[in-house]
Amino acid sequence: MTEFAQLLVNGVVIGSYYAIVALGLSLIFGILDIPHFAHGSVAMLSGYVSYVIVSYLNIGLILTVILSMIFAAIVGVLLEKIAYQFVQDGPIINSFIIALALMIIIDNLSIIFFGEDQIILPFAKETVRFLGISINTIEIYLLISSVLLFTLMFIFIKYTKPGKAIRAVSQNRDAAQIVGINPRRISTLVFAIGSSMAGLAGVFIGSIFALYPSMGGTLVMKAFAVIILGGLGSFPGAIIGGLSIGIVENLGTAMVSSSYKDLFAFIILIIVMIFKPNGLFGSKEL
C-alpha cells in the first residue's frame, strides 16, 4: 500500500509540471489559435539559463524561479513580435509551420551554447518522509508553486480587467476590438503570461529531473495531450489532465517498463477521445 501511495505522489509531482506547461500552452493556443510548438523549448531554454545564473551567482530557488519566469516571458514576447504577429490573421497552417521552425531553432541553439549532455540544477534537496512516503524539498516547492499559480491565474482571468479582456478576445476577437480592446496587446500579454509558466516549469524540471536539448518537443507534445485530454480552454481540464497523465505515466513505468513512459500518455488520450471527443471537461471559454 505504501509503495502504491509513493507511486501516486511521484505521479502527482510529474503531473504538476505537465499541468503548468499545459496551462501556459492552453492560454496561447486556446485564445490566439496559435499551435505554439516552441513552448516546451522555451521551458527547456529557461532551465538552461537558470543553470547558468545559479552557477555564477549562487542564488536560491525562489529567486531563480522569478528570474526564469521573467526571462521566459521576454522570450515569449519576442517570439510573438518577431514571428507570430505577422501570420496570426492568416491560415493556422502558417503559425503551425513557424512554431515548428522556432522549436527546431531553439533546440539547436541550446546544443550550440549548452552542449548535448544532461544538466541538473545544483539545488540542495532534503528528503522528507511522511507515513512511509518520501518526497524531497524541491518537489514540495513544485507542488506549492502549482497550487499558488493555478489559484492566481483563476483570480486573474476571472476578476481582473486584463483577465476579462483576455476572455473577451477568446470569445469574439472582432467584438472585443469594437469595444476598445486591442487584440495585439492582448496577444503580447498572453504570450508573456503563458511563457512565464514555461519558465517556472523549466526550473523545476531541471532541478528534479534533468535538462537536455531535445526535451522541448516531447514536453510540448505532452502539454498538447494534456489540454486535449482535459478540454481546450478549461482551467480544471489542464490541471486534472496534467495530474492524470503524470499518475498514469508513473504507474505504467513501475508496472511495465520505463522504456514505454512516453507511450502511456497518448494511450489514455486516445481512450478518452473515443468516449469524450471534447475532453474530460469539454471545450470551454476561459
Protein backbone atom coordinates (compact mmCIF):
# COMPACT_ATOMS: atom_id res chain seq x y z
CA MET A 1 0.00 0.00 0.00
CA THR A 2 2.83 2.37 0.88
CA GLU A 3 4.52 1.58 -2.42
CA PHE A 4 1.35 2.44 -4.33
CA ALA A 5 0.97 5.71 -2.40
CA GLN A 6 4.58 6.56 -3.25
CA LEU A 7 3.85 5.97 -6.94
CA LEU A 8 0.80 8.26 -6.71
CA VAL A 9 2.82 11.03 -5.06
CA ASN A 10 5.55 10.74 -7.69
CA GLY A 11 2.87 10.85 -10.38
CA VAL A 12 1.36 14.00 -8.89
CA VAL A 13 4.80 15.65 -8.91
CA ILE A 14 5.31 14.80 -12.59
CA GLY A 15 1.73 15.79 -13.41
CA SER A 16 2.16 19.15 -11.69
CA TYR A 17 4.81 20.38 -14.08
CA TYR A 18 2.87 18.91 -17.01
CA ALA A 19 -0.12 20.95 -15.84
CA ILE A 20 1.96 24.13 -15.50
CA VAL A 21 3.31 23.80 -19.05
CA ALA A 22 -0.13 22.85 -20.37
CA LEU A 23 -1.87 25.80 -18.72
CA GLY A 24 0.51 28.25 -20.41
CA LEU A 25 0.06 26.49 -23.75
CA SER A 26 -3.71 26.41 -23.28
CA LEU A 27 -3.73 30.19 -22.88
CA ILE A 28 -1.78 30.72 -26.09
CA PHE A 29 -3.48 28.06 -28.20
CA GLY A 30 -6.96 28.44 -26.75
CA ILE A 31 -7.09 32.23 -27.01
CA LEU A 32 -4.91 33.05 -30.00
CA ASP A 33 -5.32 29.82 -32.04
CA ILE A 34 -1.54 29.55 -32.31
CA PRO A 35 -0.17 25.98 -32.00
CA HIS A 36 2.92 27.16 -30.15
CA PHE A 37 5.13 24.07 -30.51
CA ALA A 38 8.13 26.05 -29.27
CA HIS A 39 6.50 26.32 -25.82
CA GLY A 40 8.34 23.27 -24.48
CA SER A 41 11.60 24.58 -25.92
CA VAL A 42 11.08 27.88 -24.07
CA ALA A 43 10.77 25.86 -20.84
CA MET A 44 13.96 24.00 -21.67
CA LEU A 45 15.85 27.19 -22.58
CA SER A 46 14.70 28.85 -19.35
CA GLY A 47 16.03 25.88 -17.41
CA TYR A 48 19.41 26.19 -19.11
CA VAL A 49 19.59 29.93 -18.43
CA SER A 50 18.64 29.25 -14.80
CA TYR A 51 21.52 26.79 -14.59
CA VAL A 52 23.94 29.48 -15.79
CA ILE A 53 22.53 32.03 -13.35
CA VAL A 54 22.74 29.66 -10.40
CA SER A 55 26.27 28.55 -11.33
CA TYR A 56 27.61 32.11 -11.46
CA LEU A 57 25.50 33.91 -8.84
CA ASN A 58 24.80 31.04 -6.44
CA ILE A 59 21.26 32.27 -5.74
CA GLY A 60 18.38 30.36 -4.16
CA LEU A 61 15.47 28.52 -5.75
CA ILE A 62 12.80 31.20 -5.28
CA LEU A 63 14.85 33.99 -6.87
CA THR A 64 15.88 31.62 -9.66
CA VAL A 65 12.21 30.84 -10.36
CA ILE A 66 11.37 34.56 -10.53
CA LEU A 67 14.25 35.33 -12.90
CA SER A 68 13.41 32.31 -15.05
CA MET A 69 9.77 33.38 -15.37
CA ILE A 70 10.83 36.91 -16.36
CA PHE A 71 13.31 35.54 -18.93
CA ALA A 72 10.71 33.18 -20.40
CA ALA A 73 8.12 35.97 -20.58
CA ILE A 74 10.59 38.13 -22.54
CA VAL A 75 11.40 35.24 -24.90
CA GLY A 76 7.68 34.61 -25.44
CA VAL A 77 7.01 38.26 -26.26
CA LEU A 78 9.97 38.33 -28.67
CA LEU A 79 8.68 35.22 -30.45
CA GLU A 80 5.23 36.79 -30.73
CA LYS A 81 6.62 40.08 -32.07
CA ILE A 82 9.26 38.63 -34.39
CA ALA A 83 7.31 35.71 -35.85
CA TYR A 84 3.73 35.05 -34.87
CA GLN A 85 2.16 38.50 -35.21
CA PHE A 86 2.76 38.50 -38.97
CA VAL A 87 0.80 35.29 -39.54
CA GLN A 88 -1.76 35.48 -36.75
CA ASP A 89 -4.56 36.64 -39.05
CA GLY A 90 -3.72 34.11 -41.75
CA PRO A 91 -4.37 30.36 -42.06
CA ILE A 92 -3.42 28.38 -38.95
CA ILE A 93 -1.03 26.27 -41.03
CA ASN A 94 1.26 29.32 -41.26
CA SER A 95 1.51 29.56 -37.47
CA PHE A 96 1.98 25.81 -37.32
CA ILE A 97 4.99 25.88 -39.65
CA ILE A 98 6.57 28.85 -37.86
CA ALA A 99 6.04 27.15 -34.49
CA LEU A 100 7.86 24.02 -35.65
CA ALA A 101 10.67 26.13 -37.11
CA LEU A 102 11.06 28.06 -33.83
CA MET A 103 11.19 24.82 -31.85
CA ILE A 104 13.96 23.46 -34.08
CA ILE A 105 15.91 26.74 -33.93
CA ILE A 106 15.74 26.97 -30.11
CA ASP A 107 16.68 23.30 -29.69
CA ASN A 108 19.71 23.66 -31.97
CA LEU A 109 20.82 26.91 -30.31
CA SER A 110 20.68 25.07 -26.98
CA ILE A 111 23.02 22.40 -28.35
CA ILE A 112 25.43 25.08 -29.61
CA PHE A 113 25.55 27.04 -26.34
CA PHE A 114 24.99 24.36 -23.70
CA GLY A 115 26.07 21.11 -25.35
CA GLU A 116 24.26 17.78 -25.62
CA ASP A 117 24.90 16.47 -22.11
CA GLN A 118 22.16 16.40 -19.50
CA ILE A 119 22.25 19.18 -16.91
CA ILE A 120 20.75 19.22 -13.41
CA LEU A 121 20.30 22.47 -11.48
CA PRO A 122 22.51 22.27 -8.35
CA PHE A 123 19.92 22.94 -5.66
CA ALA A 124 20.24 21.08 -2.37
CA LYS A 125 17.47 18.55 -1.77
CA GLU A 126 16.41 17.22 1.59
CA THR A 127 14.17 14.19 1.72
CA VAL A 128 11.07 14.37 3.89
CA ARG A 129 9.31 11.16 4.97
CA PHE A 130 5.65 11.05 5.99
CA LEU A 131 3.69 7.84 6.59
CA GLY A 132 6.35 5.93 4.72
CA ILE A 133 6.20 8.22 1.67
CA SER A 134 9.34 10.06 0.58
CA ILE A 135 9.33 13.46 -1.10
CA ASN A 136 12.16 15.96 -1.40
CA THR A 137 12.00 19.68 -0.70
CA ILE A 138 12.21 20.70 -4.38
CA GLU A 139 9.16 18.56 -5.14
CA ILE A 140 7.31 20.18 -2.25
CA TYR A 141 8.15 23.62 -3.66
CA LEU A 142 6.83 22.47 -7.04
CA LEU A 143 3.52 21.34 -5.56
CA ILE A 144 3.14 24.60 -3.60
CA SER A 145 4.05 26.66 -6.68
CA SER A 146 1.50 24.74 -8.75
CA VAL A 147 -1.35 25.40 -6.32
CA LEU A 148 -0.36 29.06 -5.99
CA LEU A 149 -0.07 29.53 -9.76
CA PHE A 150 -3.42 27.90 -10.54
CA THR A 151 -5.16 29.97 -7.87
CA LEU A 152 -3.63 33.27 -9.00
CA MET A 153 -4.37 32.54 -12.66
CA PHE A 154 -8.00 31.74 -11.89
CA ILE A 155 -8.38 35.01 -9.98
CA PHE A 156 -6.56 36.97 -12.70
CA ILE A 157 -8.64 35.61 -15.58
CA LYS A 158 -12.00 35.82 -13.80
CA TYR A 159 -11.80 39.03 -11.80
CA THR A 160 -9.21 41.48 -13.18
CA LYS A 161 -9.67 43.92 -16.05
CA PRO A 162 -6.84 42.46 -18.19
CA GLY A 163 -8.18 38.97 -17.49
CA LYS A 164 -11.65 39.96 -18.65
CA ALA A 165 -10.12 41.49 -21.78
CA ILE A 166 -8.35 38.19 -22.48
CA ARG A 167 -11.65 36.34 -22.10
CA ALA A 168 -13.35 38.81 -24.42
CA VAL A 169 -10.74 38.27 -27.14
CA SER A 170 -11.01 34.50 -26.74
CA GLN A 171 -14.80 34.66 -27.17
CA ASN A 172 -15.01 37.15 -30.05
CA ARG A 173 -11.93 38.96 -31.31
CA ASP A 174 -13.83 41.37 -33.58
CA ALA A 175 -16.41 42.32 -30.96
CA ALA A 176 -13.65 42.89 -28.40
CA GLN A 177 -11.92 45.25 -30.81
CA ILE A 178 -15.14 47.19 -31.37
CA VAL A 179 -15.47 47.93 -27.64
CA GLY A 180 -11.91 49.24 -27.46
CA ILE A 181 -9.80 46.18 -26.61
CA ASN A 182 -6.55 45.99 -28.57
CA PRO A 183 -6.11 42.34 -29.68
CA ARG A 184 -2.41 42.91 -30.40
CA ARG A 185 -1.74 43.98 -26.83
CA ILE A 186 -3.75 41.05 -25.55
CA SER A 187 -1.70 38.72 -27.77
CA THR A 188 1.52 40.09 -26.27
CA LEU A 189 0.12 39.78 -22.73
CA VAL A 190 -1.00 36.19 -23.33
CA PHE A 191 2.42 35.20 -24.67
CA ALA A 192 4.14 36.84 -21.68
CA ILE A 193 1.92 35.05 -19.15
CA GLY A 194 1.90 31.70 -20.93
CA SER A 195 5.66 31.72 -21.49
CA SER A 196 6.36 32.69 -17.87
CA MET A 197 4.67 29.43 -16.86
CA ALA A 198 7.08 27.58 -19.14
CA GLY A 199 9.92 29.35 -17.31
CA LEU A 200 8.55 28.17 -13.97
CA ALA A 201 8.32 24.59 -15.22
CA GLY A 202 11.84 24.75 -16.68
CA VAL A 203 13.45 25.42 -13.31
CA PHE A 204 11.67 22.54 -11.61
CA ILE A 205 12.28 20.11 -14.48
CA GLY A 206 15.97 20.96 -14.34
CA SER A 207 16.04 20.64 -10.55
CA ILE A 208 14.05 17.41 -10.12
CA PHE A 209 14.93 15.58 -13.34
CA ALA A 210 17.35 16.89 -15.98
CA LEU A 211 17.61 19.23 -18.95
CA TYR A 212 18.66 18.12 -22.43
CA PRO A 213 18.31 19.85 -25.83
CA SER A 214 15.69 17.57 -27.41
CA MET A 215 13.29 17.60 -24.46
CA GLY A 216 11.27 20.58 -25.75
CA GLY A 217 9.44 18.58 -28.41
CA THR A 218 8.46 15.77 -26.04
CA LEU A 219 7.36 18.23 -23.37
CA VAL A 220 5.12 20.25 -25.70
CA MET A 221 3.53 17.09 -27.09
CA LYS A 222 2.69 16.06 -23.53
CA ALA A 223 1.25 19.54 -22.95
CA PHE A 224 -0.93 19.26 -26.05
CA ALA A 225 -2.07 15.84 -24.85
CA VAL A 226 -2.99 17.38 -21.50
CA ILE A 227 -5.08 20.23 -22.91
CA ILE A 228 -6.84 17.94 -25.39
CA LEU A 229 -7.48 15.39 -22.64
CA GLY A 230 -8.83 17.99 -20.22
CA GLY A 231 -10.66 20.10 -22.79
CA LEU A 232 -9.29 23.09 -24.69
CA GLY A 233 -9.71 26.31 -22.72
CA SER A 234 -10.60 24.58 -19.46
CA PHE A 235 -8.56 25.53 -16.39
CA PRO A 236 -9.71 22.48 -14.40
CA GLY A 237 -9.07 20.38 -17.50
CA ALA A 238 -5.41 21.47 -17.69
CA ILE A 239 -4.89 20.65 -14.02
CA ILE A 240 -6.74 17.32 -13.95
CA GLY A 241 -5.36 16.33 -17.35
CA GLY A 242 -1.78 17.02 -16.26
CA LEU A 243 -2.16 15.11 -12.99
CA SER A 244 -3.88 12.21 -14.75
CA ILE A 245 -1.13 11.80 -17.32
CA GLY A 246 1.57 12.14 -14.66
CA ILE A 247 0.00 9.45 -12.48
CA VAL A 248 -0.69 7.07 -15.39
CA GLU A 249 2.87 7.50 -16.66
CA ASN A 250 4.37 6.78 -13.27
CA LEU A 251 2.16 3.76 -12.59
CA GLY A 252 2.78 2.41 -16.09
CA THR A 253 6.52 2.85 -15.73
CA ALA A 254 6.52 0.96 -12.42
CA MET A 255 4.29 -1.88 -13.63
CA VAL A 256 5.52 -2.26 -17.22
CA SER A 257 8.77 -0.51 -18.17
CA SER A 258 10.28 2.96 -18.25
CA SER A 259 11.01 2.36 -21.94
CA TYR A 260 7.31 2.96 -22.66
CA LYS A 261 6.95 6.05 -20.43
CA ASP A 262 6.01 8.40 -23.26
CA LEU A 263 3.54 5.89 -24.67
CA PHE A 264 1.14 5.81 -21.73
CA ALA A 265 0.07 9.46 -22.04
CA PHE A 266 -1.08 9.01 -25.61
CA ILE A 267 -2.83 5.70 -24.93
CA ILE A 268 -5.00 7.32 -22.27
CA LEU A 269 -5.55 10.30 -24.61
CA ILE A 270 -6.86 8.03 -27.37
CA ILE A 271 -9.17 6.18 -24.96
CA VAL A 272 -10.66 9.40 -23.58
CA MET A 273 -11.07 10.94 -27.04
CA ILE A 274 -13.03 7.89 -28.22
CA PHE A 275 -15.62 8.29 -25.48
CA LYS A 276 -15.37 12.08 -24.84
CA PRO A 277 -14.22 13.84 -28.04
CA ASN A 278 -14.26 17.27 -26.34
CA GLY A 279 -12.09 16.13 -23.44
CA LEU A 280 -12.91 15.40 -19.82
CA PHE A 281 -14.29 18.87 -19.12
CA GLY A 282 -15.31 19.79 -22.66
CA SER A 283 -14.10 22.77 -24.65
CA LYS A 284 -14.83 25.84 -22.55
CA GLU A 285 -14.19 29.53 -22.77
CA LEU A 286 -11.85 30.88 -20.10
